[in-house]
């Protein structure tokens, strides 16, 4: 489940990055995080398959639920990191302009 969730997130982020004409949203950062997580889960799945063989394809419902929560958590954490990086880089200068307006009012 973790592999599927992160691959879907990586594909969606990559499509959004490809459609975005300019790099104002810094979607490349998000793509790299999701594809990196997908690669990590793929390696994990290969080694788990080598260890479990046929049992790998019959996980317990509890294990599937735990994997789904972990996958959603990874996607959410990557989104938070991307938003923080976007706010720090401030490619359009919106945060800077807002802070200047606030300091001018004070």
PDB file of N, CA and C in Angstrom:
ATOM      1  N   UNK A   1       0.816  -1.198   0.000  1.00  0.00           N
ATOM      2  CA  UNK A   1       0.000   0.000   0.000  1.00  0.00           C
ATOM      3  C   UNK A   1       0.862   1.265   0.000  1.00  0.00           C
ATOM      4  N   UNK A   2       1.951   1.243   0.740  1.00  0.00           N
ATOM      5  CA  UNK A   2       2.798   2.429   0.771  1.00  0.00           C
ATOM      6  C   UNK A   2       3.368   2.715  -0.610  1.00  0.00           C
ATOM      7  N   UNK A   3       3.774   1.655  -1.307  1.00  0.00           N
ATOM      8  CA  UNK A   3       4.321   1.830  -2.650  1.00  0.00           C
ATOM      9  C   UNK A   3       3.276   2.401  -3.596  1.00  0.00           C
ATOM     10  N   UNK A   4       2.074   1.862  -3.556  1.00  0.00           N
ATOM     11  CA  UNK A   4       1.011   2.351  -4.443  1.00  0.00           C
ATOM     12  C   UNK A   4       0.659   3.808  -4.160  1.00  0.00           C
ATOM     13  N   UNK A   5       0.527   4.151  -2.907  1.00  0.00           N
ATOM     14  CA  UNK A   5       0.142   5.522  -2.539  1.00  0.00           C
ATOM     15  C   UNK A   5       1.207   6.510  -2.977  1.00  0.00           C
ATOM     16  N   UNK A   6       2.477   6.184  -2.742  1.00  0.00           N
ATOM     17  CA  UNK A   6       3.529   7.127  -3.115  1.00  0.00           C
ATOM     18  C   UNK A   6       3.727   7.190  -4.629  1.00  0.00           C
ATOM     19  N   UNK A   7       3.525   6.089  -5.330  1.00  0.00           N
ATOM     20  CA  UNK A   7       3.629   6.129  -6.794  1.00  0.00           C
ATOM     21  C   UNK A   7       2.510   6.980  -7.378  1.00  0.00           C
ATOM     22  N   UNK A   8       1.288   6.829  -6.865  1.00  0.00           N
ATOM     23  CA  UNK A   8       0.188   7.674  -7.354  1.00  0.00           C
ATOM     24  C   UNK A   8       0.476   9.149  -7.079  1.00  0.00           C
ATOM     25  N   UNK A   9       0.989   9.457  -5.897  1.00  0.00           N
ATOM     26  CA  UNK A   9       1.329  10.839  -5.570  1.00  0.00           C
ATOM     27  C   UNK A   9       2.447  11.345  -6.479  1.00  0.00           C
ATOM     28  N   UNK A  10       3.429  10.497  -6.765  1.00  0.00           N
ATOM     29  CA  UNK A  10       4.537  10.894  -7.639  1.00  0.00           C
ATOM     30  C   UNK A  10       4.057  11.161  -9.061  1.00  0.00           C
ATOM     31  N   UNK A  11       3.168  10.322  -9.554  1.00  0.00           N
ATOM     32  CA  UNK A  11       2.646  10.514 -10.911  1.00  0.00           C
ATOM     33  C   UNK A  11       1.829  11.802 -10.987  1.00  0.00           C
ATOM     34  N   UNK A  12       0.988  12.047 -10.007  1.00  0.00           N
ATOM     35  CA  UNK A  12       0.168  13.265  -9.999  1.00  0.00           C
ATOM     36  C   UNK A  12       1.060  14.506  -9.906  1.00  0.00           C
ATOM     37  N   UNK A  13       2.061  14.467  -9.026  1.00  0.00           N
ATOM     38  CA  UNK A  13       2.966  15.608  -8.895  1.00  0.00           C
ATOM     39  C   UNK A  13       3.760  15.828 -10.182  1.00  0.00           C
ATOM     40  N   UNK A  14       4.167  14.745 -10.837  1.00  0.00           N
ATOM     41  CA  UNK A  14       4.915  14.863 -12.082  1.00  0.00           C
ATOM     42  C   UNK A  14       4.046  15.444 -13.190  1.00  0.00           C
ATOM     43  N   UNK A  15       2.788  15.020 -13.270  1.00  0.00           N
ATOM     44  CA  UNK A  15       1.887  15.587 -14.274  1.00  0.00           C
ATOM     45  C   UNK A  15       1.650  17.074 -14.028  1.00  0.00           C
ATOM     46  N   UNK A  16       1.490  17.445 -12.777  1.00  0.00           N
ATOM     47  CA  UNK A  16       1.326  18.874 -12.451  1.00  0.00           C
ATOM     48  C   UNK A  16       2.579  19.657 -12.793  1.00  0.00           C
ATOM     49  N   UNK A  17       3.756  19.096 -12.523  1.00  0.00           N
ATOM     50  CA  UNK A  17       5.017  19.750 -12.852  1.00  0.00           C
ATOM     51  C   UNK A  17       5.153  19.915 -14.362  1.00  0.00           C
ATOM     52  N   UNK A  18       4.767  18.882 -15.102  1.00  0.00           N
ATOM     53  CA  UNK A  18       4.890  18.923 -16.554  1.00  0.00           C
ATOM     54  C   UNK A  18       3.936  19.945 -17.168  1.00  0.00           C
ATOM     55  N   UNK A  19       2.738  20.066 -16.609  1.00  0.00           N
ATOM     56  CA  UNK A  19       1.744  21.017 -17.120  1.00  0.00           C
ATOM     57  C   UNK A  19       2.087  22.458 -16.755  1.00  0.00           C
ATOM     58  N   UNK A  20       2.813  22.671 -15.669  1.00  0.00           N
ATOM     59  CA  UNK A  20       3.143  24.009 -15.195  1.00  0.00           C
ATOM     60  C   UNK A  20       4.193  24.622 -16.123  1.00  0.00           C
ATOM     61  N   UNK A  21       3.848  25.712 -16.775  1.00  0.00           N
ATOM     62  CA  UNK A  21       4.753  26.355 -17.731  1.00  0.00           C
ATOM     63  C   UNK A  21       5.996  26.929 -17.056  1.00  0.00           C
ATOM     64  N   UNK A  22       5.798  27.695 -16.012  1.00  0.00           N
ATOM     65  CA  UNK A  22       6.941  28.239 -15.286  1.00  0.00           C
ATOM     66  C   UNK A  22       7.161  27.404 -14.028  1.00  0.00           C
ATOM     67  N   UNK A  23       8.270  27.619 -13.387  1.00  0.00           N
ATOM     68  CA  UNK A  23       8.598  26.841 -12.188  1.00  0.00           C
ATOM     69  C   UNK A  23       8.283  27.629 -10.929  1.00  0.00           C
ATOM     70  N   UNK A  24       7.186  28.379 -10.967  1.00  0.00           N
ATOM     71  CA  UNK A  24       6.865  29.239  -9.830  1.00  0.00           C
ATOM     72  C   UNK A  24       6.441  28.449  -8.595  1.00  0.00           C
ATOM     73  N   UNK A  25       5.894  27.273  -8.781  1.00  0.00           N
ATOM     74  CA  UNK A  25       5.444  26.484  -7.633  1.00  0.00           C
ATOM     75  C   UNK A  25       6.504  25.521  -7.107  1.00  0.00           C
ATOM     76  N   UNK A  26       7.633  25.469  -7.767  1.00  0.00           N
ATOM     77  CA  UNK A  26       8.729  24.580  -7.347  1.00  0.00           C
ATOM     78  C   UNK A  26       8.242  23.143  -7.190  1.00  0.00           C
ATOM     79  N   UNK A  27       7.480  22.660  -8.174  1.00  0.00           N
ATOM     80  CA  UNK A  27       6.939  21.302  -8.107  1.00  0.00           C
ATOM     81  C   UNK A  27       8.009  20.229  -8.277  1.00  0.00           C
ATOM     82  N   UNK A  28       9.169  20.610  -8.785  1.00  0.00           N
ATOM     83  CA  UNK A  28      10.259  19.648  -8.916  1.00  0.00           C
ATOM     84  C   UNK A  28      10.679  19.077  -7.575  1.00  0.00           C
ATOM     85  N   UNK A  29      10.659  19.906  -6.555  1.00  0.00           N
ATOM     86  CA  UNK A  29      11.002  19.445  -5.205  1.00  0.00           C
ATOM     87  C   UNK A  29      10.030  18.349  -4.767  1.00  0.00           C
ATOM     88  N   UNK A  30       8.749  18.583  -5.013  1.00  0.00           N
ATOM     89  CA  UNK A  30       7.726  17.604  -4.633  1.00  0.00           C
ATOM     90  C   UNK A  30       7.893  16.311  -5.425  1.00  0.00           C
ATOM     91  N   UNK A  31       8.178  16.439  -6.712  1.00  0.00           N
ATOM     92  CA  UNK A  31       8.388  15.246  -7.548  1.00  0.00           C
ATOM     93  C   UNK A  31       9.558  14.413  -7.037  1.00  0.00           C
ATOM     94  N   UNK A  32      10.671  15.078  -6.721  1.00  0.00           N
ATOM     95  CA  UNK A  32      11.832  14.342  -6.233  1.00  0.00           C
ATOM     96  C   UNK A  32      11.532  13.624  -4.918  1.00  0.00           C
ATOM     97  N   UNK A  33      10.799  14.268  -4.036  1.00  0.00           N
ATOM     98  CA  UNK A  33      10.474  13.614  -2.761  1.00  0.00           C
ATOM     99  C   UNK A  33       9.593  12.395  -2.983  1.00  0.00           C
ATOM    100  N   UNK A  34       8.567  12.541  -3.824  1.00  0.00           N
ATOM    101  CA  UNK A  34       7.657  11.415  -4.062  1.00  0.00           C
ATOM    102  C   UNK A  34       8.328  10.276  -4.820  1.00  0.00           C
ATOM    103  N   UNK A  35       9.124  10.600  -5.843  1.00  0.00           N
ATOM    104  CA  UNK A  35       9.809   9.533  -6.576  1.00  0.00           C
ATOM    105  C   UNK A  35      10.872   8.871  -5.699  1.00  0.00           C
ATOM    106  N   UNK A  36      11.511   9.625  -4.830  1.00  0.00           N
ATOM    107  CA  UNK A  36      12.467   9.027  -3.894  1.00  0.00           C
ATOM    108  C   UNK A  36      11.790   8.074  -2.921  1.00  0.00           C
ATOM    109  N   UNK A  37      10.640   8.494  -2.410  1.00  0.00           N
ATOM    110  CA  UNK A  37       9.888   7.612  -1.505  1.00  0.00           C
ATOM    111  C   UNK A  37       9.407   6.371  -2.255  1.00  0.00           C
ATOM    112  N   UNK A  38       8.983   6.541  -3.498  1.00  0.00           N
ATOM    113  CA  UNK A  38       8.530   5.394  -4.292  1.00  0.00           C
ATOM    114  C   UNK A  38       9.665   4.406  -4.527  1.00  0.00           C
ATOM    115  N   UNK A  39      10.840   4.921  -4.826  1.00  0.00           N
ATOM    116  CA  UNK A  39      11.997   4.053  -5.015  1.00  0.00           C
ATOM    117  C   UNK A  39      12.345   3.325  -3.723  1.00  0.00           C
ATOM    118  N   UNK A  40      12.261   4.027  -2.602  1.00  0.00           N
ATOM    119  CA  UNK A  40      12.540   3.400  -1.312  1.00  0.00           C
ATOM    120  C   UNK A  40      11.553   2.268  -1.031  1.00  0.00           C
ATOM    121  N   UNK A  41      10.253   2.510  -1.276  1.00  0.00           N
ATOM    122  CA  UNK A  41       9.252   1.477  -1.022  1.00  0.00           C
ATOM    123  C   UNK A  41       9.381   0.324  -2.010  1.00  0.00           C
ATOM    124  N   UNK A  42       9.849   0.595  -3.239  1.00  0.00           N
ATOM    125  CA  UNK A  42      10.059  -0.480  -4.210  1.00  0.00           C
ATOM    126  C   UNK A  42      11.174  -1.406  -3.741  1.00  0.00           C
ATOM    127  N   UNK A  43      12.265  -0.845  -3.275  1.00  0.00           N
ATOM    128  CA  UNK A  43      13.367  -1.664  -2.752  1.00  0.00           C
ATOM    129  C   UNK A  43      12.891  -2.451  -1.532  1.00  0.00           C
ATOM    130  N   UNK A  44      12.118  -1.813  -0.669  1.00  0.00           N
ATOM    131  CA  UNK A  44      11.561  -2.498   0.498  1.00  0.00           C
ATOM    132  C   UNK A  44      10.665  -3.661   0.072  1.00  0.00           C
ATOM    133  N   UNK A  45       9.838  -3.453  -0.952  1.00  0.00           N
ATOM    134  CA  UNK A  45       8.938  -4.507  -1.417  1.00  0.00           C
ATOM    135  C   UNK A  45       9.711  -5.675  -2.014  1.00  0.00           C
ATOM    136  N   UNK A  46      10.773  -5.397  -2.745  1.00  0.00           N
ATOM    137  CA  UNK A  46      11.583  -6.470  -3.329  1.00  0.00           C
ATOM    138  C   UNK A  46      12.208  -7.317  -2.230  1.00  0.00           C
ATOM    139  N   UNK A  47      12.808  -6.670  -1.240  1.00  0.00           N
ATOM    140  CA  UNK A  47      13.437  -7.432  -0.165  1.00  0.00           C
ATOM    141  C   UNK A  47      12.412  -8.164   0.697  1.00  0.00           C
ATOM    142  N   UNK A  48      11.251  -7.562   0.878  1.00  0.00           N
ATOM    143  CA  UNK A  48      10.202  -8.251   1.635  1.00  0.00           C
ATOM    144  C   UNK A  48       9.687  -9.456   0.861  1.00  0.00           C
ATOM    145  N   UNK A  49       9.580  -9.335  -0.454  1.00  0.00           N
ATOM    146  CA  UNK A  49       9.151 -10.478  -1.275  1.00  0.00           C
ATOM    147  C   UNK A  49      10.183 -11.597  -1.218  1.00  0.00           C
ATOM    148  N   UNK A  50      11.469 -11.241  -1.261  1.00  0.00           N
ATOM    149  CA  UNK A  50      12.517 -12.257  -1.169  1.00  0.00           C
ATOM    150  C   UNK A  50      12.428 -12.988   0.163  1.00  0.00           C
ATOM    151  N   UNK A  51      12.076 -12.275   1.211  1.00  0.00           N
ATOM    152  CA  UNK A  51      11.983 -12.870   2.542  1.00  0.00           C
ATOM    153  C   UNK A  51      10.722 -13.720   2.710  1.00  0.00           C
ATOM    154  N   UNK A  52       9.567 -13.229   2.225  1.00  0.00           N
ATOM    155  CA  UNK A  52       8.290 -13.892   2.506  1.00  0.00           C
ATOM    156  C   UNK A  52       7.786 -14.803   1.391  1.00  0.00           C
ATOM    157  N   UNK A  53       8.190 -14.591   0.185  1.00  0.00           N
ATOM    158  CA  UNK A  53       7.717 -15.301  -1.015  1.00  0.00           C
ATOM    159  C   UNK A  53       6.197 -15.195  -1.152  1.00  0.00           C
ATOM    160  N   UNK A  54       5.475 -16.319  -1.131  1.00  0.00           N
ATOM    161  CA  UNK A  54       4.029 -16.317  -1.395  1.00  0.00           C
ATOM    162  C   UNK A  54       3.228 -15.571  -0.334  1.00  0.00           C
ATOM    163  N   UNK A  55       3.709 -15.535   0.882  1.00  0.00           N
ATOM    164  CA  UNK A  55       2.996 -14.823   1.948  1.00  0.00           C
ATOM    165  C   UNK A  55       2.941 -13.319   1.693  1.00  0.00           C
ATOM    166  N   UNK A  56       3.834 -12.822   0.840  1.00  0.00           N
ATOM    167  CA  UNK A  56       3.869 -11.396   0.536  1.00  0.00           C
ATOM    168  C   UNK A  56       2.560 -10.929  -0.099  1.00  0.00           C
ATOM    169  N   UNK A  57       1.922 -11.797  -0.867  1.00  0.00           N
ATOM    170  CA  UNK A  57       0.706 -11.424  -1.588  1.00  0.00           C
ATOM    171  C   UNK A  57      -0.566 -11.633  -0.778  1.00  0.00           C
ATOM    172  N   UNK A  58      -0.457 -12.098   0.444  1.00  0.00           N
ATOM    173  CA  UNK A  58      -1.612 -12.289   1.321  1.00  0.00           C
ATOM    174  C   UNK A  58      -1.394 -11.593   2.665  1.00  0.00           C
ATOM    175  N   UNK A  59      -1.320 -10.260   2.658  1.00  0.00           N
ATOM    176  CA  UNK A  59      -1.089  -9.568   3.939  1.00  0.00           C
ATOM    177  C   UNK A  59      -2.354  -9.557   4.799  1.00  0.00           C
ATOM    178  N   UNK A  60      -2.146  -9.449   6.074  1.00  0.00           N
ATOM    179  CA  UNK A  60      -3.269  -9.340   7.007  1.00  0.00           C
ATOM    180  C   UNK A  60      -3.898  -7.952   6.849  1.00  0.00           C
ATOM    181  N   UNK A  61      -5.214  -7.863   7.078  1.00  0.00           N
ATOM    182  CA  UNK A  61      -5.876  -6.551   6.963  1.00  0.00           C
ATOM    183  C   UNK A  61      -5.258  -5.486   7.868  1.00  0.00           C
ATOM    184  N   UNK A  62      -4.814  -5.894   9.041  1.00  0.00           N
ATOM    185  CA  UNK A  62      -4.183  -4.950   9.955  1.00  0.00           C
ATOM    186  C   UNK A  62      -2.896  -4.392   9.349  1.00  0.00           C
ATOM    187  N   UNK A  63      -2.103  -5.250   8.715  1.00  0.00           N
ATOM    188  CA  UNK A  63      -0.866  -4.798   8.072  1.00  0.00           C
ATOM    189  C   UNK A  63      -1.159  -3.861   6.903  1.00  0.00           C
ATOM    190  N   UNK A  64      -2.214  -4.153   6.152  1.00  0.00           N
ATOM    191  CA  UNK A  64      -2.581  -3.287   5.028  1.00  0.00           C
ATOM    192  C   UNK A  64      -3.018  -1.913   5.518  1.00  0.00           C
ATOM    193  N   UNK A  65      -3.758  -1.880   6.611  1.00  0.00           N
ATOM    194  CA  UNK A  65      -4.200  -0.613   7.179  1.00  0.00           C
ATOM    195  C   UNK A  65      -3.009   0.199   7.697  1.00  0.00           C
ATOM    196  N   UNK A  66      -2.081  -0.474   8.367  1.00  0.00           N
ATOM    197  CA  UNK A  66      -0.874   0.207   8.847  1.00  0.00           C
ATOM    198  C   UNK A  66      -0.060   0.766   7.684  1.00  0.00           C
ATOM    199  N   UNK A  67       0.059  -0.017   6.607  1.00  0.00           N
ATOM    200  CA  UNK A  67       0.792   0.453   5.436  1.00  0.00           C
ATOM    201  C   UNK A  67       0.095   1.636   4.780  1.00  0.00           C
ATOM    202  N   UNK A  68      -1.229   1.607   4.750  1.00  0.00           N
ATOM    203  CA  UNK A  68      -1.975   2.722   4.159  1.00  0.00           C
ATOM    204  C   UNK A  68      -1.775   4.000   4.979  1.00  0.00           C
ATOM    205  N   UNK A  69      -1.830   3.884   6.301  1.00  0.00           N
ATOM    206  CA  UNK A  69      -1.581   5.056   7.155  1.00  0.00           C
ATOM    207  C   UNK A  69      -0.160   5.580   6.957  1.00  0.00           C
ATOM    208  N   UNK A  70       0.795   4.683   6.837  1.00  0.00           N
ATOM    209  CA  UNK A  70       2.181   5.097   6.625  1.00  0.00           C
ATOM    210  C   UNK A  70       2.332   5.795   5.277  1.00  0.00           C
ATOM    211  N   UNK A  71       1.697   5.274   4.241  1.00  0.00           N
ATOM    212  CA  UNK A  71       1.762   5.895   2.923  1.00  0.00           C
ATOM    213  C   UNK A  71       1.145   7.277   2.906  1.00  0.00           C
ATOM    214  N   UNK A  72      -0.010   7.428   3.538  1.00  0.00           N
ATOM    215  CA  UNK A  72      -0.665   8.738   3.612  1.00  0.00           C
ATOM    216  C   UNK A  72       0.181   9.706   4.442  1.00  0.00           C
ATOM    217  N   UNK A  73       0.806   9.202   5.489  1.00  0.00           N
ATOM    218  CA  UNK A  73       1.671  10.053   6.319  1.00  0.00           C
ATOM    219  C   UNK A  73       2.882  10.547   5.537  1.00  0.00           C
ATOM    220  N   UNK A  74       3.460   9.692   4.720  1.00  0.00           N
ATOM    221  CA  UNK A  74       4.613  10.081   3.914  1.00  0.00           C
ATOM    222  C   UNK A  74       4.209  11.157   2.900  1.00  0.00           C
ATOM    223  N   UNK A  75       3.052  10.973   2.268  1.00  0.00           N
ATOM    224  CA  UNK A  75       2.565  11.955   1.298  1.00  0.00           C
ATOM    225  C   UNK A  75       2.297  13.295   1.993  1.00  0.00           C
ATOM    226  N   UNK A  76       1.683  13.251   3.152  1.00  0.00           N
ATOM    227  CA  UNK A  76       1.385  14.487   3.885  1.00  0.00           C
ATOM    228  C   UNK A  76       2.665  15.177   4.350  1.00  0.00           C
ATOM    229  N   UNK A  77       3.635  14.418   4.833  1.00  0.00           N
ATOM    230  CA  UNK A  77       4.892  15.016   5.277  1.00  0.00           C
ATOM    231  C   UNK A  77       5.629  15.674   4.111  1.00  0.00           C
ATOM    232  N   UNK A  78       5.619  15.025   2.955  1.00  0.00           N
ATOM    233  CA  UNK A  78       6.263  15.623   1.783  1.00  0.00           C
ATOM    234  C   UNK A  78       5.558  16.913   1.379  1.00  0.00           C
ATOM    235  N   UNK A  79       4.236  16.951   1.488  1.00  0.00           N
ATOM    236  CA  UNK A  79       3.505  18.183   1.187  1.00  0.00           C
ATOM    237  C   UNK A  79       3.873  19.308   2.145  1.00  0.00           C
ATOM    238  N   UNK A  80       4.006  18.976   3.412  1.00  0.00           N
ATOM    239  CA  UNK A  80       4.389  19.991   4.408  1.00  0.00           C
ATOM    240  C   UNK A  80       5.795  20.516   4.114  1.00  0.00           C
ATOM    241  N   UNK A  81       6.729  19.620   3.808  1.00  0.00           N
ATOM    242  CA  UNK A  81       8.101  20.040   3.494  1.00  0.00           C
ATOM    243  C   UNK A  81       8.107  20.911   2.250  1.00  0.00           C
ATOM    244  N   UNK A  82       7.309  20.547   1.245  1.00  0.00           N
ATOM    245  CA  UNK A  82       7.231  21.324   0.004  1.00  0.00           C
ATOM    246  C   UNK A  82       6.661  22.722   0.259  1.00  0.00           C
ATOM    247  N   UNK A  83       5.624  22.811   1.077  1.00  0.00           N
ATOM    248  CA  UNK A  83       5.027  24.116   1.387  1.00  0.00           C
ATOM    249  C   UNK A  83       6.016  24.995   2.149  1.00  0.00           C
ATOM    250  N   UNK A  84       6.729  24.422   3.102  1.00  0.00           N
ATOM    251  CA  UNK A  84       7.729  25.193   3.843  1.00  0.00           C
ATOM    252  C   UNK A  84       8.832  25.673   2.896  1.00  0.00           C
ATOM    253  N   UNK A  85       9.297  24.795   2.010  1.00  0.00           N
ATOM    254  CA  UNK A  85      10.325  25.195   1.047  1.00  0.00           C
ATOM    255  C   UNK A  85       9.803  26.282   0.114  1.00  0.00           C
ATOM    256  N   UNK A  86       8.540  26.174  -0.271  1.00  0.00           N
ATOM    257  CA  UNK A  86       7.941  27.184  -1.143  1.00  0.00           C
ATOM    258  C   UNK A  86       7.836  28.530  -0.431  1.00  0.00           C
ATOM    259  N   UNK A  87       7.471  28.517   0.844  1.00  0.00           N
ATOM    260  CA  UNK A  87       7.386  29.757   1.604  1.00  0.00           C
ATOM    261  C   UNK A  87       8.761  30.384   1.826  1.00  0.00           C
ATOM    262  N   UNK A  88       9.766  29.547   2.020  1.00  0.00           N
ATOM    263  CA  UNK A  88      11.119  30.065   2.236  1.00  0.00           C
ATOM    264  C   UNK A  88      11.680  30.662   0.946  1.00  0.00           C
ATOM    265  N   UNK A  89      11.514  29.949  -0.172  1.00  0.00           N
ATOM    266  CA  UNK A  89      12.052  30.451  -1.448  1.00  0.00           C
ATOM    267  C   UNK A  89      11.237  31.619  -1.977  1.00  0.00           C
ATOM    268  N   UNK A  90       9.946  31.625  -1.724  1.00  0.00           N
ATOM    269  CA  UNK A  90       9.050  32.719  -2.103  1.00  0.00           C
ATOM    270  C   UNK A  90       9.303  33.186  -3.541  1.00  0.00           C
ATOM    271  N   UNK A  91       9.051  32.304  -4.534  1.00  0.00           N
ATOM    272  CA  UNK A  91       9.418  32.626  -5.910  1.00  0.00           C
ATOM    273  C   UNK A  91       8.685  33.829  -6.502  1.00  0.00           C
ATOM    274  N   UNK A  92       7.476  34.082  -6.100  1.00  0.00           N
ATOM    275  CA  UNK A  92       6.730  35.225  -6.634  1.00  0.00           C
ATOM    276  C   UNK A  92       6.825  36.460  -5.747  1.00  0.00           C
ATOM    277  N   UNK A  93       7.466  36.342  -4.607  1.00  0.00           N
ATOM    278  CA  UNK A  93       7.640  37.468  -3.706  1.00  0.00           C
ATOM    279  C   UNK A  93       6.386  37.844  -2.931  1.00  0.00           C
ATOM    280  N   UNK A  94       5.412  36.976  -2.870  1.00  0.00           N
ATOM    281  CA  UNK A  94       4.154  37.296  -2.185  1.00  0.00           C
ATOM    282  C   UNK A  94       4.344  37.419  -0.671  1.00  0.00           C
ATOM    283  N   UNK A  95       5.118  36.524  -0.107  1.00  0.00           N
ATOM    284  CA  UNK A  95       5.343  36.578   1.344  1.00  0.00           C
ATOM    285  C   UNK A  95       6.095  37.855   1.689  1.00  0.00           C
ATOM    286  N   UNK A  96       7.096  38.196   0.883  1.00  0.00           N
ATOM    287  CA  UNK A  96       7.886  39.406   1.117  1.00  0.00           C
ATOM    288  C   UNK A  96       7.004  40.652   1.047  1.00  0.00           C
ATOM    289  N   UNK A  97       6.142  40.720   0.018  1.00  0.00           N
ATOM    290  CA  UNK A  97       5.251  41.879  -0.110  1.00  0.00           C
ATOM    291  C   UNK A  97       4.278  41.973   1.051  1.00  0.00           C
ATOM    292  N   UNK A  98       3.749  40.838   1.482  1.00  0.00           N
ATOM    293  CA  UNK A  98       2.811  40.841   2.614  1.00  0.00           C
ATOM    294  C   UNK A  98       3.503  41.296   3.894  1.00  0.00           C
ATOM    295  N   UNK A  99       4.714  40.855   4.112  1.00  0.00           N
ATOM    296  CA  UNK A  99       5.461  41.273   5.301  1.00  0.00           C
ATOM    297  C   UNK A  99       5.793  42.758   5.252  1.00  0.00           C
ATOM    298  N   UNK A 100       6.080  43.276   4.069  1.00  0.00           N
ATOM    299  CA  UNK A 100       6.355  44.707   3.944  1.00  0.00           C
ATOM    300  C   UNK A 100       5.096  45.537   4.219  1.00  0.00           C
ATOM    301  N   UNK A 101       3.949  45.059   3.759  1.00  0.00           N
ATOM    302  CA  UNK A 101       2.687  45.752   4.020  1.00  0.00           C
ATOM    303  C   UNK A 101       2.396  45.763   5.513  1.00  0.00           C
ATOM    304  N   UNK A 102       2.630  44.639   6.165  1.00  0.00           N
ATOM    305  CA  UNK A 102       2.366  44.544   7.602  1.00  0.00           C
ATOM    306  C   UNK A 102       3.301  45.466   8.386  1.00  0.00           C
ATOM    307  N   UNK A 103       4.559  45.539   7.977  1.00  0.00           N
ATOM    308  CA  UNK A 103       5.488  46.402   8.711  1.00  0.00           C
ATOM    309  C   UNK A 103       5.209  47.881   8.428  1.00  0.00           C
ATOM    310  N   UNK A 104       4.690  48.196   7.241  1.00  0.00           N
ATOM    311  CA  UNK A 104       4.360  49.593   6.930  1.00  0.00           C
ATOM    312  C   UNK A 104       3.143  50.055   7.732  1.00  0.00           C
ATOM    313  N   UNK A 105       2.204  49.169   8.004  1.00  0.00           N
ATOM    314  CA  UNK A 105       1.010  49.516   8.794  1.00  0.00           C
ATOM    315  C   UNK A 105       1.358  49.715  10.266  1.00  0.00           C
ATOM    316  N   UNK A 106       2.363  49.010  10.720  1.00  0.00           N
ATOM    317  CA  UNK A 106       2.689  49.060  12.153  1.00  0.00           C
ATOM    318  C   UNK A 106       3.451  50.261  12.547  1.00  0.00           C
TER     319      UNK A 106
END
